[in-house]
Amino acid sequence: MSREFWKSAGMHLLQRGAEGWLEVTPQFLRAYYTRPEMHPLEGSCAAEVALHEDLMADPLRPVDAARLAALADPEVADNYRVVLAYRDLLMRAGTIEGAYLRLMRQSKIAIPPVFVDQMVHLILRNILDGCTDPIRLRTAELFFREQSASTEDARLMLADEEIVEMHARTGSETGLAQLLSQTGTPLKSVALDVLDDDNKDIYWPRSDRFDTVIDFRFGQPAPDAFARVVESWLKHLLRLEVRVEPRPSIEDADWRWHIGLDRESTRILNTLYEGKTPSLDDMASIVGLFRMRIPDERMVLEKVRGKPVYLGLAMDARKRVKMKPQNLLTNLPVIATV
């Protein structure tokens, strides 16, 4: 049975088009105009109040540079420039997915990272609509929320970085703080809210809290669930069928192609590909390795045909995992995609 999740993504403000992508609506744009950075305060100037009212009435209303320059608060004017640039990107593309693809294919990303993460959140909410596996949903959070890793007790636990930091500051005993012993912050010993096959139904009422933990060791359910999300991501955005499986290591004398899913794994995989030996610390930072195959070899560059593509995910020196899902779109060894 389908269950509701990630209401905070805002998918209810959009509509799904015939091709399955999310079409931008006035209601969705209004949600950005009501953000705290945009909403007028008691002391806001008349020009700012008028601009906000005009945009709420007509979210697509053109706003020229002179009108922004007339705002009394330069910081507010800058906020409007950022949000309106984002609006224009969305409207040119027409869909969230189309805007994301355009953005990721540019040499420079001109919108704040938080907006990019929100786009990924929305796209995955669309992709995973109807998903009944909470562990798959939890691993999908890696695409748009930074994770904090713990390697204690021979496990590889991933918890949401923002939530973990919040618990570290408050000393809360609601289940995540123990993961952050690596931060140097004195924390109380508490039980972890680890999501597994026995208790995965706890995810549904808490999906927007991002406060569950997963064991990402090879052989656990989470890496396989993550592989399924990677497959769905590429099928939805590029119409590309792939098969992905977790691997404990890469042993391939004829290694042809790899994709690092973050900065650290890109560096480490490049080192291995060049036949060099990474440091022990680098090898210990690997969070996950995967083997991907593209069944339709007509789509694949000649040098990679018949060969797998290896994927890697790693944590940095602070034990943070910051995935770059765009790498899956821009670094594929394919001839052409949508």
Protein backbone atom coordinates (compact mmCIF):
# COMPACT_ATOMS: atom_id res chain seq x y z
CA MET A 1 0.00 0.00 0.00
CA SER A 2 1.33 3.44 -0.96
CA ARG A 3 2.26 5.67 1.98
CA GLU A 4 2.83 9.40 2.22
CA PHE A 5 6.38 10.66 2.78
CA TRP A 6 8.53 13.80 2.34
CA LYS A 7 5.67 16.31 2.47
CA SER A 8 8.34 18.97 2.94
CA ALA A 9 9.52 18.42 -0.64
CA GLY A 10 6.53 20.44 -1.87
CA MET A 11 5.40 18.04 -4.59
CA HIS A 12 1.77 18.92 -3.79
CA LEU A 13 2.49 22.39 -5.22
CA LEU A 14 3.43 20.97 -8.63
CA GLN A 15 1.70 18.89 -11.25
CA ARG A 16 3.02 15.88 -13.10
CA GLY A 17 3.14 16.26 -16.87
CA ALA A 18 2.45 13.64 -19.50
CA GLU A 19 6.11 12.55 -19.56
CA GLY A 20 6.11 12.12 -15.78
CA TRP A 21 8.18 15.21 -14.96
CA LEU A 22 7.06 17.90 -12.49
CA GLU A 23 5.65 21.02 -14.13
CA VAL A 24 6.25 24.36 -12.41
CA THR A 25 3.12 26.11 -11.09
CA PRO A 26 2.36 29.58 -9.68
CA GLN A 27 1.68 27.96 -6.30
CA PHE A 28 5.18 26.51 -6.24
CA LEU A 29 6.76 29.89 -6.99
CA ARG A 30 4.66 31.60 -4.32
CA ALA A 31 6.14 29.21 -1.76
CA TYR A 32 9.57 30.73 -2.46
CA TYR A 33 8.23 34.28 -2.16
CA THR A 34 6.94 33.46 1.32
CA ARG A 35 10.32 32.27 2.58
CA PRO A 36 11.59 34.29 5.58
CA GLU A 37 14.31 35.87 3.42
CA MET A 38 11.64 37.22 1.06
CA HIS A 39 8.65 38.07 3.21
CA PRO A 40 8.44 41.78 4.19
CA LEU A 41 8.97 42.67 7.82
CA GLU A 42 7.39 45.42 9.86
CA GLY A 43 10.17 47.84 8.93
CA SER A 44 10.34 46.96 5.21
CA CYS A 45 10.19 49.86 2.77
CA ALA A 46 7.11 50.56 0.64
CA ALA A 47 8.91 49.44 -2.53
CA GLU A 48 9.68 46.05 -1.00
CA VAL A 49 6.10 45.57 0.20
CA ALA A 50 4.74 46.50 -3.23
CA LEU A 51 7.13 44.14 -5.01
CA HIS A 52 6.18 41.27 -2.77
CA GLU A 53 2.47 41.90 -3.26
CA ASP A 54 2.89 42.08 -7.03
CA LEU A 55 4.77 38.79 -7.15
CA MET A 56 2.26 37.03 -4.92
CA ALA A 57 -0.52 38.19 -7.26
CA ASP A 58 1.45 37.29 -10.39
CA PRO A 59 4.40 34.95 -9.65
CA LEU A 60 5.67 35.33 -13.24
CA ARG A 61 5.67 39.12 -13.20
CA PRO A 62 8.83 40.58 -14.82
CA VAL A 63 11.05 42.51 -12.40
CA ASP A 64 13.71 44.76 -13.86
CA ALA A 65 17.01 45.76 -12.30
CA ALA A 66 15.80 49.28 -11.55
CA ARG A 67 12.98 48.01 -9.38
CA LEU A 68 15.35 45.86 -7.34
CA ALA A 69 17.79 48.75 -7.02
CA ALA A 70 14.97 50.83 -5.50
CA LEU A 71 14.69 48.52 -2.47
CA ALA A 72 16.04 50.14 0.68
CA ASP A 73 17.73 46.99 1.98
CA PRO A 74 20.54 45.77 -0.34
CA GLU A 75 20.44 42.31 1.24
CA VAL A 76 16.74 41.96 0.42
CA ALA A 77 17.46 43.08 -3.15
CA ASP A 78 20.14 40.40 -3.44
CA ASN A 79 17.70 37.77 -2.13
CA TYR A 80 15.21 38.77 -4.80
CA ARG A 81 17.87 38.56 -7.51
CA VAL A 82 18.72 35.01 -6.47
CA VAL A 83 15.13 33.80 -6.24
CA LEU A 84 14.08 35.49 -9.49
CA ALA A 85 17.05 33.96 -11.31
CA TYR A 86 15.92 30.58 -10.00
CA ARG A 87 12.35 31.32 -11.09
CA ASP A 88 13.52 32.22 -14.59
CA LEU A 89 15.52 28.99 -14.83
CA LEU A 90 12.45 26.98 -13.83
CA MET A 91 10.16 28.77 -16.26
CA ARG A 92 12.55 28.40 -19.19
CA ALA A 93 12.70 24.67 -18.60
CA GLY A 94 9.06 24.24 -17.62
CA THR A 95 9.77 21.32 -15.28
CA ILE A 96 11.90 20.71 -12.20
CA GLU A 97 13.69 17.85 -13.94
CA GLY A 98 14.35 19.88 -17.08
CA ALA A 99 15.69 22.79 -15.05
CA TYR A 100 17.97 20.49 -13.05
CA LEU A 101 19.42 18.92 -16.19
CA ARG A 102 20.05 22.33 -17.76
CA LEU A 103 21.71 23.53 -14.60
CA MET A 104 23.97 20.50 -14.24
CA ARG A 105 25.14 20.80 -17.84
CA GLN A 106 26.35 24.36 -17.32
CA SER A 107 29.95 25.11 -16.48
CA LYS A 108 28.89 27.26 -13.54
CA ILE A 109 25.93 26.73 -11.22
CA ALA A 110 24.45 30.16 -10.57
CA ILE A 111 21.92 29.32 -7.86
CA PRO A 112 22.53 28.51 -4.17
CA PRO A 113 23.29 24.88 -3.27
CA VAL A 114 20.19 24.76 -1.05
CA PHE A 115 18.00 25.30 -4.11
CA VAL A 116 19.81 22.51 -5.97
CA ASP A 117 19.26 20.14 -3.04
CA GLN A 118 15.58 21.10 -2.98
CA MET A 119 15.31 20.26 -6.68
CA VAL A 120 16.88 16.84 -6.07
CA HIS A 121 14.53 16.31 -3.13
CA LEU A 122 11.53 17.03 -5.38
CA ILE A 123 12.78 14.90 -8.25
CA LEU A 124 13.33 11.92 -5.97
CA ARG A 125 9.94 12.43 -4.34
CA ASN A 126 8.48 12.16 -7.84
CA ILE A 127 10.63 9.17 -8.80
CA LEU A 128 9.85 7.27 -5.62
CA ASP A 129 6.15 8.03 -5.51
CA GLY A 130 4.44 4.81 -4.45
CA CYS A 131 7.61 3.29 -2.99
CA THR A 132 6.82 0.95 -0.10
CA ASP A 133 10.38 0.34 1.10
CA PRO A 134 11.45 2.79 3.83
CA ILE A 135 15.09 1.73 3.56
CA ARG A 136 15.12 2.72 -0.11
CA LEU A 137 13.62 6.09 0.80
CA ARG A 138 16.18 6.58 3.57
CA THR A 139 19.10 5.83 1.26
CA ALA A 140 17.65 8.30 -1.27
CA GLU A 141 18.20 11.01 1.34
CA LEU A 142 21.93 10.71 0.58
CA PHE A 143 21.24 12.40 -2.77
CA PHE A 144 20.16 15.68 -1.16
CA ARG A 145 21.17 15.69 2.51
CA GLU A 146 24.72 15.50 3.84
CA GLN A 147 25.42 12.54 6.10
CA SER A 148 27.61 12.02 9.14
CA ALA A 149 29.38 8.66 9.30
CA SER A 150 30.35 6.55 12.28
CA THR A 151 32.58 3.48 11.99
CA GLU A 152 32.44 2.33 15.58
CA ASP A 153 31.65 -1.29 16.55
CA ALA A 154 32.67 -2.52 13.06
CA ARG A 155 29.58 -0.91 11.55
CA LEU A 156 29.20 1.91 9.04
CA MET A 157 26.36 4.07 10.26
CA LEU A 158 25.05 7.09 8.37
CA ALA A 159 22.98 9.77 10.05
CA ASP A 160 21.74 13.11 8.75
CA GLU A 161 24.44 15.71 9.36
CA GLU A 162 22.09 18.61 10.09
CA ILE A 163 20.07 16.59 12.58
CA VAL A 164 23.18 15.21 14.22
CA GLU A 165 24.63 18.70 14.67
CA MET A 166 21.36 19.87 16.18
CA HIS A 167 21.44 17.05 18.71
CA ALA A 168 25.08 17.77 19.44
CA ARG A 169 24.26 21.41 20.26
CA THR A 170 21.23 20.65 22.40
CA GLY A 171 22.41 17.45 24.06
CA SER A 172 19.10 15.88 23.10
CA GLU A 173 18.60 12.23 23.97
CA THR A 174 16.30 11.36 21.07
CA GLY A 175 18.55 8.90 19.32
CA LEU A 176 21.33 10.28 17.14
CA ALA A 177 23.91 11.94 19.31
CA GLN A 178 26.10 8.90 19.89
CA LEU A 179 26.95 8.86 16.20
CA LEU A 180 28.80 12.11 16.55
CA SER A 181 31.52 11.05 18.91
CA GLN A 182 33.90 11.91 16.05
CA THR A 183 32.96 15.60 16.18
CA GLY A 184 34.72 16.16 19.48
CA THR A 185 31.53 17.35 21.15
CA PRO A 186 30.85 15.65 24.50
CA LEU A 187 27.66 13.69 23.98
CA LYS A 188 25.48 11.55 26.13
CA SER A 189 25.29 7.83 25.46
CA VAL A 190 21.92 7.07 23.90
CA ALA A 191 20.32 4.33 21.85
CA LEU A 192 20.48 4.78 18.08
CA ASP A 193 17.34 4.88 15.97
CA VAL A 194 18.71 2.47 13.37
CA LEU A 195 16.37 1.68 10.50
CA ASP A 196 16.33 -2.01 9.58
CA ASP A 197 13.95 -4.69 8.31
CA ASP A 198 12.54 -5.24 11.79
CA ASN A 199 11.51 -1.66 12.53
CA LYS A 200 11.37 0.10 9.16
CA ASP A 201 7.77 1.23 9.63
CA ILE A 202 9.03 3.90 12.04
CA TYR A 203 10.17 5.79 8.94
CA TRP A 204 6.72 6.79 7.67
CA PRO A 205 5.67 9.21 10.44
CA ARG A 206 9.24 10.55 10.68
CA SER A 207 10.22 10.90 7.02
CA ASP A 208 10.33 14.69 7.16
CA ARG A 209 12.40 14.67 10.34
CA PHE A 210 15.35 12.92 8.64
CA ASP A 211 16.28 11.40 11.98
CA THR A 212 16.79 7.70 11.27
CA VAL A 213 20.14 5.96 10.87
CA ILE A 214 21.21 3.28 8.39
CA ASP A 215 23.97 0.70 8.40
CA PHE A 216 25.69 1.08 5.02
CA ARG A 217 28.04 -1.90 5.25
CA PHE A 218 28.28 -4.22 2.27
CA GLY A 219 25.77 -7.02 2.72
CA GLN A 220 23.28 -4.88 4.62
CA PRO A 221 19.98 -3.84 2.96
CA ALA A 222 20.95 -0.16 2.60
CA PRO A 223 23.61 -0.42 -0.18
CA ASP A 224 21.30 -2.54 -2.32
CA ALA A 225 18.45 -0.08 -1.74
CA PHE A 226 20.78 2.78 -2.72
CA ALA A 227 21.64 0.92 -5.94
CA ARG A 228 17.95 0.77 -6.81
CA VAL A 229 17.67 4.54 -6.33
CA VAL A 230 20.63 5.09 -8.67
CA GLU A 231 18.87 2.98 -11.30
CA SER A 232 15.65 4.94 -10.91
CA TRP A 233 17.47 8.29 -11.01
CA LEU A 234 19.06 7.53 -14.37
CA LYS A 235 15.92 6.01 -15.86
CA HIS A 236 13.80 9.01 -14.85
CA LEU A 237 16.17 11.77 -15.92
CA LEU A 238 17.99 10.23 -18.88
CA ARG A 239 15.63 7.43 -19.93
CA LEU A 240 18.64 5.18 -19.43
CA GLU A 241 18.27 1.63 -18.17
CA VAL A 242 21.15 0.49 -15.95
CA ARG A 243 21.81 -2.33 -13.51
CA VAL A 244 23.67 -1.49 -10.31
CA GLU A 245 24.96 -3.82 -7.60
CA PRO A 246 27.02 -3.20 -4.46
CA ARG A 247 30.53 -4.62 -4.44
CA PRO A 248 32.93 -5.21 -1.52
CA SER A 249 35.92 -4.16 -3.67
CA ILE A 250 37.04 -3.49 -7.22
CA GLU A 251 39.16 -6.24 -8.71
CA ASP A 252 39.35 -5.64 -12.44
CA ALA A 253 42.51 -5.92 -14.51
CA ASP A 254 40.73 -4.22 -17.41
CA TRP A 255 39.11 -1.32 -15.59
CA ARG A 256 37.72 1.11 -18.18
CA TRP A 257 35.47 3.67 -16.45
CA HIS A 258 34.42 4.92 -13.04
CA ILE A 259 32.30 7.65 -11.50
CA GLY A 260 32.97 9.12 -8.08
CA LEU A 261 29.71 10.13 -6.41
CA ASP A 262 31.47 12.80 -4.35
CA ARG A 263 34.75 14.69 -4.32
CA GLU A 264 36.63 12.23 -2.12
CA SER A 265 35.62 9.09 -3.97
CA THR A 266 36.46 10.73 -7.30
CA ARG A 267 39.99 11.40 -6.07
CA ILE A 268 40.43 7.90 -4.64
CA LEU A 269 39.04 6.11 -7.70
CA ASN A 270 41.25 8.21 -9.95
CA THR A 271 44.26 7.10 -7.90
CA LEU A 272 43.31 3.44 -8.19
CA TYR A 273 42.57 3.74 -11.90
CA GLU A 274 46.03 5.20 -12.47
CA GLY A 275 47.56 2.12 -10.83
CA LYS A 276 48.68 3.98 -7.72
CA THR A 277 48.12 2.91 -4.14
CA PRO A 278 45.90 5.19 -2.02
CA SER A 279 46.78 5.75 1.58
CA LEU A 280 45.26 3.56 4.27
CA ASP A 281 43.19 6.54 5.42
CA ASP A 282 41.83 6.99 1.91
CA MET A 283 40.87 3.34 1.63
CA ALA A 284 39.21 3.48 5.06
CA SER A 285 37.12 6.45 3.90
CA ILE A 286 35.31 4.43 1.23
CA VAL A 287 31.63 4.17 2.19
CA GLY A 288 30.38 2.16 -0.77
CA LEU A 289 31.48 0.63 -4.06
CA PHE A 290 29.11 -0.35 -6.86
CA ARG A 291 29.25 -1.95 -10.29
CA MET A 292 26.97 -0.57 -12.97
CA ARG A 293 26.18 -2.10 -16.34
CA ILE A 294 24.32 -0.47 -19.23
CA PRO A 295 22.44 -3.26 -21.05
CA ASP A 296 21.91 -1.30 -24.28
CA GLU A 297 25.51 -1.18 -25.48
CA ARG A 298 24.53 0.93 -28.47
CA MET A 299 24.39 3.80 -25.97
CA VAL A 300 27.88 3.18 -24.60
CA LEU A 301 31.19 4.62 -25.74
CA GLU A 302 33.15 2.04 -27.69
CA LYS A 303 35.96 1.76 -25.14
CA VAL A 304 33.47 0.79 -22.42
CA ARG A 305 31.23 -1.60 -24.34
CA GLY A 306 30.96 -4.90 -22.57
CA LYS A 307 32.65 -3.45 -19.49
CA PRO A 308 31.20 -2.30 -16.18
CA VAL A 309 31.23 1.23 -14.80
CA TYR A 310 32.37 1.41 -11.18
CA LEU A 311 30.80 3.84 -8.72
CA GLY A 312 32.25 4.99 -5.43
CA LEU A 313 31.01 6.89 -2.39
CA ALA A 314 33.34 8.14 0.35
CA MET A 315 33.48 10.27 3.47
CA ASP A 316 35.85 13.17 3.96
CA ALA A 317 38.35 13.69 6.79
CA ARG A 318 35.54 14.97 9.03
CA LYS A 319 33.55 11.79 8.35
CA ARG A 320 30.99 13.63 6.26
CA VAL A 321 29.38 12.16 3.14
CA LYS A 322 28.29 14.80 0.63
CA MET A 323 27.00 13.08 -2.49
CA LYS A 324 26.97 14.86 -5.87
CA PRO A 325 24.14 13.12 -7.75
CA GLN A 326 24.86 15.24 -10.82
CA ASN A 327 28.01 13.16 -11.35
CA LEU A 328 25.77 10.28 -12.40
CA LEU A 329 24.36 12.45 -15.17
CA THR A 330 27.45 14.25 -16.43
CA ASN A 331 30.14 11.55 -16.21
CA LEU A 332 28.46 8.62 -17.93
CA PRO A 333 30.32 6.87 -20.78
CA VAL A 334 27.34 7.18 -23.13
CA ILE A 335 27.01 8.52 -26.65
CA ALA A 336 23.83 10.53 -26.15
CA THR A 337 20.96 10.91 -23.68
CA VAL A 338 17.87 13.08 -23.50
